Amino acid sequence: MSINARISELIKAFKDSESGFAKRLGVSSSVMFNIVNPKGRMSYPSGPVLEKILSLELMGKKVSAEWLMRGDGEMLQSTAAFNGPEDALKYLADTIEDLKANSTKK
């Protein structure tokens, strides 16, 4: 499953529309359209959009960076894993570096 499909799953989990989810993140509807709608570009989300997604909470749990970036694990994780947006962003940067390192080993 692509990151675009995982973001679509998040929209469903939050019981939002594309535009409702965009408002929740504080981004334009066209940004979200181009990320998740098959009629859009299906573009990769920018760093700031990823950071905003990782700061979301649902039922007292945060979106898992591992799930969002790789599709591994559960969609949501305990909020104890991140102590703020800086921790989430650091984890995201570390995950991206791990992905780069693992892709060069193949």
C-alpha atoms as a PDB file:
ATOM      1  CA  MET A   1       0.000   0.000   0.000  1.00  0.00           C
ATOM      2  CA  SER A   2       1.371   3.435  -0.930  1.00  0.00           C
ATOM      3  CA  ILE A   3       1.663   6.353   1.443  1.00  0.00           C
ATOM      4  CA  ASN A   4      -1.174   7.970  -0.512  1.00  0.00           C
ATOM      5  CA  ALA A   5      -3.420   4.987   0.244  1.00  0.00           C
ATOM      6  CA  ARG A   6      -2.412   5.083   3.911  1.00  0.00           C
ATOM      7  CA  ILE A   7      -3.371   8.754   4.097  1.00  0.00           C
ATOM      8  CA  SER A   8      -6.717   7.815   2.528  1.00  0.00           C
ATOM      9  CA  GLU A   9      -7.110   5.241   5.313  1.00  0.00           C
ATOM     10  CA  LEU A  10      -6.411   7.959   7.881  1.00  0.00           C
ATOM     11  CA  ILE A  11      -9.103  10.156   6.331  1.00  0.00           C
ATOM     12  CA  LYS A  12     -11.567   7.275   6.761  1.00  0.00           C
ATOM     13  CA  ALA A  13     -10.397   6.606  10.333  1.00  0.00           C
ATOM     14  CA  PHE A  14     -10.995  10.253  11.231  1.00  0.00           C
ATOM     15  CA  LYS A  15     -14.382  10.067   9.467  1.00  0.00           C
ATOM     16  CA  ASP A  16     -13.433  13.075   7.348  1.00  0.00           C
ATOM     17  CA  SER A  17     -13.787  14.013   3.710  1.00  0.00           C
ATOM     18  CA  GLU A  18     -10.676  15.058   1.772  1.00  0.00           C
ATOM     19  CA  SER A  19     -11.517  18.714   2.385  1.00  0.00           C
ATOM     20  CA  GLY A  20     -12.364  18.076   6.054  1.00  0.00           C
ATOM     21  CA  PHE A  21      -9.034  16.336   6.579  1.00  0.00           C
ATOM     22  CA  ALA A  22      -7.259  19.201   4.797  1.00  0.00           C
ATOM     23  CA  LYS A  23      -8.906  21.666   7.207  1.00  0.00           C
ATOM     24  CA  ARG A  24      -7.899  19.462  10.152  1.00  0.00           C
ATOM     25  CA  LEU A  25      -4.273  19.687   8.945  1.00  0.00           C
ATOM     26  CA  GLY A  26      -4.440  23.355   8.024  1.00  0.00           C
ATOM     27  CA  VAL A  27      -3.644  22.772   4.346  1.00  0.00           C
ATOM     28  CA  SER A  28      -5.616  23.590   1.222  1.00  0.00           C
ATOM     29  CA  SER A  29      -8.142  21.156  -0.202  1.00  0.00           C
ATOM     30  CA  SER A  30      -6.143  21.036  -3.445  1.00  0.00           C
ATOM     31  CA  VAL A  31      -3.065  19.795  -1.555  1.00  0.00           C
ATOM     32  CA  MET A  32      -5.057  16.899  -0.109  1.00  0.00           C
ATOM     33  CA  PHE A  33      -6.775  16.247  -3.459  1.00  0.00           C
ATOM     34  CA  ASN A  34      -3.380  15.909  -5.152  1.00  0.00           C
ATOM     35  CA  ILE A  35      -2.174  13.486  -2.473  1.00  0.00           C
ATOM     36  CA  VAL A  36      -5.107  11.090  -2.197  1.00  0.00           C
ATOM     37  CA  ASN A  37      -7.536  11.502  -5.074  1.00  0.00           C
ATOM     38  CA  PRO A  38      -6.928   9.252  -8.117  1.00  0.00           C
ATOM     39  CA  LYS A  39      -8.036  12.176 -10.315  1.00  0.00           C
ATOM     40  CA  GLY A  40      -5.259  14.288  -8.778  1.00  0.00           C
ATOM     41  CA  ARG A  41      -1.491  13.924  -9.148  1.00  0.00           C
ATOM     42  CA  MET A  42      -1.141  11.317  -6.375  1.00  0.00           C
ATOM     43  CA  SER A  43       1.878  13.335  -5.276  1.00  0.00           C
ATOM     44  CA  TYR A  44       4.035  12.447  -2.292  1.00  0.00           C
ATOM     45  CA  PRO A  45       3.125  14.555   0.758  1.00  0.00           C
ATOM     46  CA  SER A  46       5.573  17.294   1.697  1.00  0.00           C
ATOM     47  CA  GLY A  47       7.530  17.285   4.955  1.00  0.00           C
ATOM     48  CA  PRO A  48       5.258  19.886   6.580  1.00  0.00           C
ATOM     49  CA  VAL A  49       2.159  17.845   5.655  1.00  0.00           C
ATOM     50  CA  LEU A  50       3.746  14.682   7.069  1.00  0.00           C
ATOM     51  CA  GLU A  51       4.638  16.546  10.259  1.00  0.00           C
ATOM     52  CA  LYS A  52       1.032  17.727  10.645  1.00  0.00           C
ATOM     53  CA  ILE A  53      -0.294  14.208  10.053  1.00  0.00           C
ATOM     54  CA  LEU A  54       2.079  12.786  12.666  1.00  0.00           C
ATOM     55  CA  SER A  55       0.839  15.300  15.226  1.00  0.00           C
ATOM     56  CA  LEU A  56      -2.779  14.099  14.901  1.00  0.00           C
ATOM     57  CA  GLU A  57      -4.442  12.161  17.690  1.00  0.00           C
ATOM     58  CA  LEU A  58      -7.385   9.794  17.477  1.00  0.00           C
ATOM     59  CA  MET A  59      -8.810   8.116  20.562  1.00  0.00           C
ATOM     60  CA  GLY A  60      -5.792   9.238  22.597  1.00  0.00           C
ATOM     61  CA  LYS A  61      -3.282   7.752  20.154  1.00  0.00           C
ATOM     62  CA  LYS A  62      -0.962   9.383  17.619  1.00  0.00           C
ATOM     63  CA  VAL A  63      -0.444   8.382  14.009  1.00  0.00           C
ATOM     64  CA  SER A  64       2.483   5.966  13.777  1.00  0.00           C
ATOM     65  CA  ALA A  65       5.374   7.262  11.656  1.00  0.00           C
ATOM     66  CA  GLU A  66       6.414   3.664  10.952  1.00  0.00           C
ATOM     67  CA  TRP A  67       2.961   2.888   9.586  1.00  0.00           C
ATOM     68  CA  LEU A  68       2.641   6.151   7.670  1.00  0.00           C
ATOM     69  CA  MET A  69       6.063   5.950   6.003  1.00  0.00           C
ATOM     70  CA  ARG A  70       6.522   2.189   5.545  1.00  0.00           C
ATOM     71  CA  GLY A  71       3.155   0.578   6.166  1.00  0.00           C
ATOM     72  CA  ASP A  72       4.616  -1.388   9.089  1.00  0.00           C
ATOM     73  CA  GLY A  73       2.780  -1.892  12.362  1.00  0.00           C
ATOM     74  CA  GLU A  74      -0.452  -0.294  13.462  1.00  0.00           C
ATOM     75  CA  MET A  75      -1.933   2.970  12.210  1.00  0.00           C
ATOM     76  CA  LEU A  76      -2.081   4.445  15.709  1.00  0.00           C
ATOM     77  CA  GLN A  77       0.319   4.217  18.643  1.00  0.00           C
ATOM     78  CA  SER A  78       0.377   5.349  22.236  1.00  0.00           C
ATOM     79  CA  THR A  79       1.010   9.064  22.646  1.00  0.00           C
ATOM     80  CA  ALA A  80       3.887   8.297  24.999  1.00  0.00           C
ATOM     81  CA  ALA A  81       6.156   7.695  21.993  1.00  0.00           C
ATOM     82  CA  PHE A  82       6.398  11.425  21.123  1.00  0.00           C
ATOM     83  CA  ASN A  83       6.692  14.328  23.512  1.00  0.00           C
ATOM     84  CA  GLY A  84       5.803  16.959  20.930  1.00  0.00           C
ATOM     85  CA  PRO A  85       6.152  17.844  17.260  1.00  0.00           C
ATOM     86  CA  GLU A  86       9.948  17.981  17.527  1.00  0.00           C
ATOM     87  CA  ASP A  87      10.065  14.311  18.589  1.00  0.00           C
ATOM     88  CA  ALA A  88       7.697  13.342  15.777  1.00  0.00           C
ATOM     89  CA  LEU A  89       9.786  15.245  13.233  1.00  0.00           C
ATOM     90  CA  LYS A  90      13.018  13.686  14.506  1.00  0.00           C
ATOM     91  CA  TYR A  91      11.467  10.224  14.295  1.00  0.00           C
ATOM     92  CA  LEU A  92      10.283  10.965  10.755  1.00  0.00           C
ATOM     93  CA  ALA A  93      13.778  12.153   9.741  1.00  0.00           C
ATOM     94  CA  ASP A  94      15.348   9.042  11.303  1.00  0.00           C
ATOM     95  CA  THR A  95      12.848   6.813   9.493  1.00  0.00           C
ATOM     96  CA  ILE A  96      13.633   8.496   6.161  1.00  0.00           C
ATOM     97  CA  GLU A  97      17.367   8.013   6.744  1.00  0.00           C
ATOM     98  CA  ASP A  98      16.765   4.322   7.559  1.00  0.00           C
ATOM     99  CA  LEU A  99      14.769   3.916   4.344  1.00  0.00           C
ATOM    100  CA  LYS A 100      17.553   5.550   2.313  1.00  0.00           C
ATOM    101  CA  ALA A 101      20.198   3.354   3.949  1.00  0.00           C
ATOM    102  CA  ASN A 102      18.182   0.173   3.374  1.00  0.00           C
ATOM    103  CA  SER A 103      17.405   1.040  -0.259  1.00  0.00           C
ATOM    104  CA  THR A 104      21.121   1.400  -1.095  1.00  0.00           C
ATOM    105  CA  LYS A 105      21.867  -2.038   0.386  1.00  0.00           C
ATOM    106  CA  LYS A 106      19.621  -3.842  -2.136  1.00  0.00           C
END
